[in-house]
Protein backbone atom coordinates (compact mmCIF):
# COMPACT_ATOMS: atom_id res chain seq x y z
CA MET A 1 -20.06 -19.29 -62.66
CA ARG A 2 -19.92 -17.86 -59.10
CA GLY A 3 -18.94 -20.30 -56.36
CA THR A 4 -20.93 -20.76 -53.20
CA GLU A 5 -20.16 -18.04 -50.62
CA PRO A 6 -18.65 -19.25 -47.33
CA PRO A 7 -20.84 -19.38 -44.23
CA CYS A 8 -21.60 -16.02 -42.63
CA ALA A 9 -21.06 -15.47 -38.91
CA GLU A 10 -22.75 -12.58 -37.11
CA ILE A 11 -21.17 -11.12 -33.97
CA ARG A 12 -21.61 -7.98 -31.93
CA GLY A 13 -18.93 -5.31 -32.23
CA LEU A 14 -17.59 -3.23 -29.33
CA ALA A 15 -20.25 -0.57 -29.91
CA GLY A 16 -23.04 -3.17 -30.01
CA VAL A 17 -23.36 -3.01 -33.81
CA CYS A 18 -23.97 -6.32 -35.56
CA THR A 19 -21.16 -7.08 -38.01
CA THR A 20 -21.25 -9.70 -40.78
CA VAL A 21 -18.07 -11.75 -41.06
CA ARG A 22 -17.35 -14.19 -43.91
CA GLY A 23 -15.65 -17.44 -42.99
CA GLY A 24 -16.04 -20.82 -41.34
CA PRO A 25 -16.38 -21.77 -37.65
CA TRP A 26 -12.66 -21.21 -36.92
CA VAL A 27 -12.87 -17.62 -38.22
CA LYS A 28 -15.97 -16.97 -36.11
CA GLN A 29 -14.39 -18.34 -32.92
CA HIS A 30 -11.15 -16.45 -33.54
CA ILE A 31 -12.90 -13.11 -33.96
CA ILE A 32 -15.11 -13.68 -30.91
CA LEU A 33 -11.97 -14.37 -28.88
CA LEU A 34 -10.33 -11.16 -30.12
CA ILE A 35 -13.39 -9.12 -29.18
CA ALA A 36 -13.50 -10.72 -25.73
CA ILE A 37 -9.85 -9.74 -25.19
CA ALA A 38 -10.57 -6.20 -26.39
CA LEU A 39 -13.53 -5.88 -24.02
CA THR A 40 -11.42 -7.08 -21.09
CA THR A 41 -8.61 -4.67 -21.97
CA ALA A 42 -11.05 -1.78 -22.25
CA SER A 43 -12.55 -2.66 -18.87
CA VAL A 44 -9.13 -2.68 -17.18
CA ALA A 45 -8.13 0.59 -18.85
CA GLN A 46 -11.28 2.30 -17.58
CA GLU A 47 -10.84 1.18 -13.96
CA GLN A 48 -10.82 4.30 -11.80
CA GLN A 49 -7.89 4.89 -9.44
CA TYR A 50 -8.63 6.13 -5.91
CA LEU A 51 -6.52 7.18 -2.93
CA TYR A 52 -7.49 7.03 0.75
CA THR A 53 -5.75 8.64 3.72
CA ASN A 54 -5.62 8.26 7.47
CA ASP A 55 -5.70 12.00 8.17
CA ASN A 56 -4.43 11.73 11.76
CA VAL A 57 -5.31 15.36 12.50
CA ALA A 58 -3.62 16.58 15.68
CA ASN A 59 -5.89 17.05 18.72
CA LYS A 60 -9.06 16.31 16.75
CA PRO A 61 -11.32 13.35 15.92
CA ASN A 62 -9.78 11.21 13.21
CA SER A 63 -10.93 11.05 9.59
CA SER A 64 -10.21 9.42 6.23
CA THR A 65 -10.21 11.37 2.97
CA ALA A 66 -11.26 9.78 -0.33
CA LEU A 67 -9.62 11.09 -3.53
CA LYS A 68 -9.90 10.39 -7.25
CA VAL A 69 -6.85 10.32 -9.56
CA SER A 70 -7.09 10.98 -13.28
CA ALA A 71 -5.01 9.25 -15.94
CA LYS A 72 -2.80 12.37 -16.04
CA GLY A 73 -2.28 12.32 -12.26
CA LEU A 74 -4.72 15.08 -11.30
CA ILE A 75 -6.14 14.52 -7.80
CA THR A 76 -9.65 15.65 -6.92
CA LEU A 77 -11.42 15.43 -3.55
CA ILE A 78 -14.37 13.06 -3.16
CA LYS A 79 -15.14 13.50 0.56
CA THR A 80 -13.61 13.41 4.04
CA TYR A 81 -15.23 10.84 6.34
CA PRO A 82 -15.11 10.83 10.17
CA THR A 83 -13.86 7.51 11.56
CA GLY A 84 -15.61 7.87 14.92
CA GLY A 85 -12.24 7.40 16.65
CA LYS A 86 -9.52 9.68 17.98
CA SER A 87 -6.36 10.68 16.15
CA SER A 88 -2.96 9.80 17.58
CA GLY A 89 -2.11 13.47 17.15
CA ALA A 90 1.25 14.76 16.06
CA GLY A 91 3.35 11.80 17.13
CA ALA A 92 2.63 9.05 14.57
CA TYR A 93 5.87 7.79 13.12
CA PHE A 94 6.83 8.37 9.46
CA ALA A 95 7.14 4.67 8.61
CA SER A 96 3.91 3.65 10.33
CA GLN A 97 1.19 2.58 7.85
CA PRO A 98 -2.10 3.21 9.69
CA ILE A 99 -4.38 2.22 6.81
CA ALA A 100 -5.00 -1.09 4.99
CA TYR A 101 -7.16 -2.65 2.27
CA ALA A 102 -8.69 -6.07 1.61
CA THR A 103 -11.06 -7.65 -0.90
CA VAL A 104 -13.62 -10.02 0.59
CA GLY A 105 -15.87 -11.62 -2.02
CA LYS A 106 -17.28 -8.70 -4.00
CA LYS A 107 -16.65 -6.20 -1.20
CA SER A 108 -13.68 -3.83 -0.99
CA CYS A 109 -12.76 -3.13 2.65
CA LEU A 110 -10.80 -0.14 3.95
CA PHE A 111 -9.38 -0.15 7.49
CA VAL A 112 -8.23 3.01 9.29
CA SER A 113 -6.57 2.87 12.72
CA ASN A 114 -7.32 5.45 15.39
CA GLY A 115 -4.19 5.77 17.52
CA GLY A 116 -5.82 8.14 20.00
CA ASP A 117 -8.17 5.51 21.42
CA SER A 118 -6.75 2.23 20.00
CA THR A 119 -9.67 1.40 17.73
CA ILE A 120 -9.95 0.49 14.04
CA THR A 121 -12.62 1.83 11.69
CA ALA A 122 -13.84 -0.27 8.76
CA PHE A 123 -15.44 1.11 5.60
CA THR A 124 -16.70 -0.49 2.40
CA ILE A 125 -15.62 1.15 -0.86
CA ASN A 126 -17.98 1.86 -3.74
CA SER A 127 -15.78 1.05 -6.75
CA GLN A 128 -18.05 3.06 -9.07
CA ASN A 129 -17.50 6.43 -7.39
CA GLY A 130 -14.95 5.91 -4.60
CA THR A 131 -17.29 6.81 -1.77
CA LEU A 132 -17.07 5.11 1.63
CA THR A 133 -19.75 3.53 3.80
CA LEU A 134 -19.11 2.95 7.50
CA VAL A 135 -19.28 -0.73 8.48
CA LYS A 136 -21.74 -1.51 11.28
CA GLY A 137 -19.93 -1.74 14.62
CA SER A 138 -17.15 0.72 13.69
CA PRO A 139 -14.89 1.76 15.23
CA PHE A 140 -13.90 -1.70 16.48
CA SER A 141 -12.11 -2.31 19.78
CA TYR A 142 -9.66 -5.22 19.94
CA GLY A 143 -8.31 -5.51 23.47
CA VAL A 144 -5.94 -2.53 23.56
CA SER A 145 -6.88 0.82 25.09
CA GLY A 146 -5.57 4.34 25.43
CA ASP A 147 -3.56 6.70 23.27
CA GLN A 148 -0.83 5.22 21.10
CA SER A 149 1.08 8.38 20.26
CA MET A 150 3.29 6.64 17.68
CA GLY A 151 0.23 5.25 15.89
CA VAL A 152 -1.12 1.78 15.04
CA SER A 153 0.31 0.18 11.90
CA LEU A 154 -1.98 -2.07 9.86
CA ALA A 155 -1.43 -4.90 7.36
CA THR A 156 -3.64 -7.58 5.84
CA GLY A 157 -2.95 -11.25 5.14
CA ASN A 158 -4.68 -13.12 2.28
CA ASN A 159 -7.72 -10.82 2.65
CA LYS A 160 -8.65 -12.82 5.76
CA LEU A 161 -6.74 -11.33 8.68
CA LEU A 162 -5.88 -7.79 9.78
CA PHE A 163 -2.73 -7.22 11.83
CA ALA A 164 -2.42 -4.20 14.13
CA GLY A 165 1.00 -3.14 15.43
CA ASN A 166 0.52 -1.52 18.83
CA SER A 167 3.31 0.97 19.51
CA LYS A 168 2.12 1.61 23.08
CA ASP A 169 2.19 -1.87 24.64
CA ASN A 170 4.66 -3.70 22.35
CA SER A 171 2.27 -6.16 20.74
CA ILE A 172 0.67 -7.20 17.46
CA SER A 173 -3.06 -7.93 17.49
CA VAL A 174 -4.73 -10.26 14.99
CA LEU A 175 -8.29 -9.58 13.84
CA LYS A 176 -10.48 -11.66 11.54
CA ILE A 177 -12.15 -9.92 8.59
CA SER A 178 -15.78 -10.93 8.05
CA SER A 179 -17.71 -11.07 4.76
CA THR A 180 -19.16 -7.63 5.61
CA CYS A 181 -15.70 -6.13 6.32
CA ALA A 182 -16.44 -6.15 10.06
CA LEU A 183 -13.59 -7.03 12.44
CA LYS A 184 -13.38 -9.50 15.29
CA SER A 185 -10.44 -9.75 17.69
CA SER A 186 -8.71 -13.14 17.39
CA SER A 187 -5.38 -13.13 19.25
CA SER A 188 -2.37 -11.08 20.29
CA VAL A 189 1.38 -11.68 20.52
CA SER A 190 3.57 -9.80 23.01
CA LEU A 191 6.87 -8.40 21.79
CA SER A 192 10.14 -7.18 23.27
CA PHE A 193 10.03 -4.05 21.11
CA SER A 194 7.58 -1.48 19.75
CA PRO A 195 6.36 -2.32 16.20
CA VAL A 196 6.63 0.38 13.55
CA ASP A 197 5.75 -1.14 10.15
CA LEU A 198 4.12 -4.46 9.19
CA LYS A 199 3.68 -6.34 5.92
CA ALA A 200 2.61 -9.88 5.00
CA THR A 201 4.59 -11.73 2.36
CA PRO A 202 2.75 -11.90 -1.01
CA ASN A 203 2.36 -15.68 -0.62
CA GLY A 204 0.60 -15.02 2.70
CA LYS A 205 2.80 -17.31 4.80
CA TYR A 206 4.63 -14.80 6.98
CA LEU A 207 4.31 -11.37 8.57
CA VAL A 208 7.42 -9.16 8.71
CA ALA A 209 7.80 -6.30 11.22
CA THR A 210 10.24 -3.51 12.06
CA TYR A 211 11.10 -2.18 15.53
CA MET A 212 13.21 0.91 14.71
CA GLY A 213 16.27 -1.30 15.07
CA PRO A 214 15.66 -5.06 15.28
CA ILE A 215 13.40 -6.78 12.75
CA ASP A 216 11.10 -9.78 13.08
CA SER A 217 9.05 -12.36 11.21
CA PHE A 218 6.01 -14.44 12.20
CA LYS A 219 4.32 -17.55 10.82
CA ILE A 220 0.64 -16.89 10.09
CA ASP A 221 -2.02 -19.45 11.04
CA TYR A 222 -5.20 -18.44 9.21
CA GLY A 223 -7.33 -21.20 10.72
CA ASN A 224 -6.66 -20.15 14.31
CA GLY A 225 -5.98 -16.48 13.60
CA THR A 226 -2.62 -16.53 15.38
CA LEU A 227 1.02 -15.54 14.87
CA THR A 228 4.11 -17.52 15.88
CA GLU A 229 7.19 -15.34 16.37
CA LEU A 230 10.31 -16.56 14.54
CA GLY A 231 12.76 -13.86 15.71
CA PRO A 232 13.61 -11.15 16.51
CA PHE A 233 16.71 -10.63 14.35
CA SER A 234 19.38 -7.97 14.64
CA SER A 235 19.92 -5.33 11.97
CA SER A 236 22.84 -3.02 11.25
CA GLY A 237 20.65 0.10 11.36
CA SER A 238 17.35 1.46 12.65
CA ALA A 239 14.96 -0.44 10.36
CA ALA A 240 11.67 1.43 9.98
CA GLY A 241 9.74 0.88 6.70
CA LEU A 242 9.77 -2.30 4.59
CA ASP A 243 8.70 -3.90 1.34
CA ILE A 244 8.83 -7.51 0.09
CA THR A 245 9.48 -8.89 -3.40
CA CYS A 246 6.61 -10.57 -5.25
CA ASP A 247 8.28 -13.97 -5.00
CA SER A 248 8.30 -13.59 -1.17
CA THR A 249 12.05 -14.22 -0.95
CA THR A 250 13.59 -10.81 -0.23
CA VAL A 251 12.78 -7.97 2.20
CA TYR A 252 14.07 -4.41 1.88
CA PHE A 253 14.18 -2.26 5.01
CA GLY A 254 14.46 1.52 5.02
CA ASP A 255 16.52 2.79 7.96
CA ALA A 256 16.03 5.94 10.00
CA ALA A 257 19.51 7.33 9.29
CA THR A 258 21.43 10.51 8.58
CA HIS A 259 21.54 9.70 4.86
CA THR A 260 20.06 6.95 2.65
CA GLU A 261 20.48 3.54 4.23
CA ILE A 262 18.79 0.34 2.99
CA GLU A 263 19.14 -3.21 4.33
CA SER A 264 18.20 -6.36 2.42
CA TYR A 265 17.36 -9.76 3.92
CA ARG A 266 16.47 -13.18 2.54
CA ILE A 267 13.35 -14.95 3.81
CA ILE A 268 14.60 -18.53 4.15
CA SER A 269 12.32 -21.59 3.96
CA SER A 270 11.55 -21.53 7.69
CA GLY A 271 10.38 -17.92 7.49
CA LYS A 272 13.38 -16.57 9.38
CA LEU A 273 15.38 -13.61 8.07
CA LYS A 274 19.00 -13.77 6.89
CA GLU A 275 20.97 -10.62 6.05
CA LEU A 276 22.11 -10.18 2.44
CA GLY A 277 23.73 -6.76 2.64
CA ASN A 278 23.15 -3.03 3.00
CA PHE A 279 23.35 0.08 0.84
CA ARG A 280 24.46 3.52 2.01
CA ASN A 281 24.61 6.78 0.07
CA ILE A 282 25.29 10.33 1.28
CA ARG A 283 22.68 11.76 -1.11
CA GLY A 284 19.31 12.20 0.55
CA SER A 285 18.54 12.68 4.24
CA ASN A 286 16.86 9.80 6.10
CA SER A 287 15.22 6.79 4.43
CA ASN A 288 12.21 5.59 6.41
CA ASN A 289 9.85 4.39 3.69
CA VAL A 290 10.56 2.01 0.80
CA MET A 291 8.48 0.58 -2.06
CA LEU A 292 9.36 -1.72 -4.96
CA SER A 293 8.27 -0.79 -8.47
CA LYS A 294 5.73 -3.00 -10.20
CA ASP A 295 8.41 -4.68 -12.32
CA GLN A 296 10.55 -5.22 -9.19
CA THR A 297 13.62 -3.59 -10.77
CA LYS A 298 13.48 -0.31 -8.78
CA LEU A 299 13.26 0.54 -5.10
CA TYR A 300 11.75 3.92 -4.23
CA VAL A 301 13.00 5.43 -0.96
CA THR A 302 11.52 8.54 0.67
CA ASN A 303 14.24 10.81 2.04
CA ASN A 304 11.99 12.15 4.75
CA GLN A 305 14.15 15.03 5.96
CA SER A 306 15.16 16.33 2.52
CA ASN A 307 11.78 15.92 0.80
CA GLU A 308 13.18 13.72 -1.95
CA ILE A 309 12.67 10.23 -3.33
CA THR A 310 15.80 8.20 -4.10
CA VAL A 311 15.49 5.58 -6.84
CA LEU A 312 17.67 2.47 -6.51
CA ALA A 313 18.13 -0.26 -9.10
CA VAL A 314 17.81 -3.68 -7.46
CA GLY A 315 19.17 -6.96 -8.71
CA HIS A 316 19.99 -10.51 -7.73
CA ASN A 317 20.40 -11.25 -4.01
CA GLY A 318 19.18 -7.83 -2.93
CA VAL A 319 22.02 -5.85 -4.48
CA GLU A 320 21.19 -2.16 -4.89
CA PHE A 321 22.70 0.54 -7.09
CA PHE A 322 22.02 4.28 -7.02
CA ASP A 323 19.90 5.19 -10.04
CA GLY A 324 18.58 8.70 -9.47
CA ILE A 325 16.91 11.12 -7.10
CA ALA A 326 13.71 13.14 -7.48
CA LYS A 327 13.46 16.43 -5.59
CA LEU A 328 9.85 17.07 -4.62
CA ARG A 329 8.29 20.48 -5.16
CA ASN A 330 7.26 22.84 -2.40
CA PRO A 331 5.23 23.26 -0.24
CA GLY A 332 6.11 19.78 1.01
CA LYS A 333 8.54 19.56 3.93
CA PHE A 334 8.93 15.83 4.60
CA ALA A 335 8.21 12.89 2.28
CA ALA A 336 6.51 10.00 4.06
CA ALA A 337 4.23 7.15 2.93
CA LEU A 338 4.45 5.71 -0.59
CA ALA A 339 1.81 4.03 -2.77
CA GLN A 340 1.42 3.22 -6.47
CA SER A 341 -1.41 2.71 -8.91
CA LYS A 342 -2.58 -0.78 -9.81
CA THR A 343 -0.79 -0.45 -13.17
CA GLY A 344 2.43 0.88 -11.58
CA THR A 345 2.38 3.91 -13.90
CA GLN A 346 1.85 6.44 -11.09
CA VAL A 347 3.62 6.81 -7.73
CA TYR A 348 2.04 8.69 -4.81
CA VAL A 349 3.79 10.18 -1.77
CA SER A 350 2.31 11.65 1.40
CA GLU A 351 3.97 14.91 2.42
CA ALA A 352 3.99 16.12 6.03
CA ARG A 353 4.52 19.28 8.10
CA THR A 354 2.46 21.44 5.79
CA GLU A 355 -1.13 21.20 4.67
CA GLU A 356 -1.47 17.45 4.25
CA SER A 357 -0.42 16.98 0.64
CA ILE A 358 0.02 14.16 -1.85
CA GLY A 359 2.62 14.25 -4.60
CA VAL A 360 2.04 12.38 -7.87
CA LEU A 361 5.00 11.17 -9.92
CA ILE A 362 5.49 9.20 -13.12
CA PRO A 363 8.28 6.58 -13.25
CA THR A 364 10.97 7.29 -15.85
CA LYS A 365 13.95 5.16 -16.92
CA SER A 366 16.07 6.09 -13.89
CA SER A 367 14.00 8.42 -11.70
CA LEU A 368 10.54 9.88 -11.11
CA LYS A 369 8.97 12.93 -12.72
CA GLU A 370 6.41 14.94 -10.74
CA VAL A 371 3.23 15.80 -12.67
CA ALA A 372 1.93 19.32 -13.21
CA ASN A 373 0.23 20.97 -10.20
CA SER A 374 1.69 18.38 -7.79
CA PRO A 375 1.63 18.26 -4.78
CA PHE A 376 -2.11 18.44 -4.16
CA GLY A 377 -3.24 19.91 -0.82
CA ILE A 378 -5.74 17.77 1.12
CA ILE A 379 -6.34 18.80 4.74
CA GLU A 380 -4.46 20.63 7.51
CA ASN A 381 -3.32 18.02 10.01
CA GLY A 382 -0.29 19.48 11.79
CA PHE A 383 3.11 17.81 11.80
CA SER A 384 2.06 14.17 11.56
CA PRO A 385 2.33 12.39 8.19
CA ALA A 386 -0.89 10.94 6.81
CA GLY A 387 -1.33 7.26 6.04
CA LEU A 388 -1.88 6.65 2.32
CA ILE A 389 -3.15 3.73 0.25
CA ALA A 390 -4.12 3.32 -3.41
CA VAL A 391 -7.27 1.41 -4.42
CA PRO A 392 -7.28 -0.65 -6.51
CA SER A 393 -3.85 -1.48 -5.16
CA PHE A 394 -0.93 -2.94 -7.02
CA SER A 395 -0.94 -6.67 -6.34
CA CYS A 396 1.68 -9.33 -7.03
CA LYS A 397 -1.07 -11.87 -7.73
């Protein structure tokens, strides 16, 4: 005699087809959970990767170019958008990062600085197709005027504040980001040096800056929209670019030097910087820009003058070891800004003194491998390197 069949649970499959599953409540809940995980994984896998540039075209109005990146690293043009501001021309420094990104509610905000007239343009990003929409009021003024030939570096803090490093008048301006991605000037701090690169710690507590020599840190007050300077601090080289570990404890600085030169500092509990050590290697010429890999075990360093990327293995207390070097293909002349995909499986590099180009590389065990057809030509902009950012960006959170 046949026994009674167990209860039947009906659930929707990934393709929307109703599937009959035999089993009790636990079986039903377990399968529903597995399908929910599969749906989430599929959604993440299908998320489109975009790149955006600050074109900084010499002697012309400024613009930002939107690009789409395929899973194989193929870059295709979406559109070039005028910012309404003036370019800083051919003088913007290699380590300057004149473009930034923030997420405010459901909006994705892109900020592009215009060094030629000291304004900042805000766009909203359409995540479905990568297109940009100019935010009402752009480009925004913020109390600084005139041409900043070395550019205006940008960084965001906790998706609430935008920091602008003014190379002309030795200051950092603080702007509040509204729910529409619009900007409002909040405060400014005067400095003894000209800022080059800026980055907020992943925990949002501090802002770190380079001055092509000395370095600095600031405590961030989000309620008042202000910065409190904690330095400056001396360095053993000409610190230019920087990156910070996900645990907000260690900063790596790339020096403008004859060969590869990296300095590492600890961020102590007060937010001040304490030197850990430095790394020097005769392979590679100059080392302005640095970026940590997603797993925090590698440090990528652009050798600006030799058009290479040095890969360093990093360990406890900021110790670095030479791991490999990737020679970039022609027609690039100088390697500049670095970015990486949200998943960390692709690395992008801005190449200068040629048609503005972007190289795409895949991380390997000890180096980087450039994909077929890389670098991809974007726009002719003269000598100046273009700012570059990936959206969605890699995030420590």
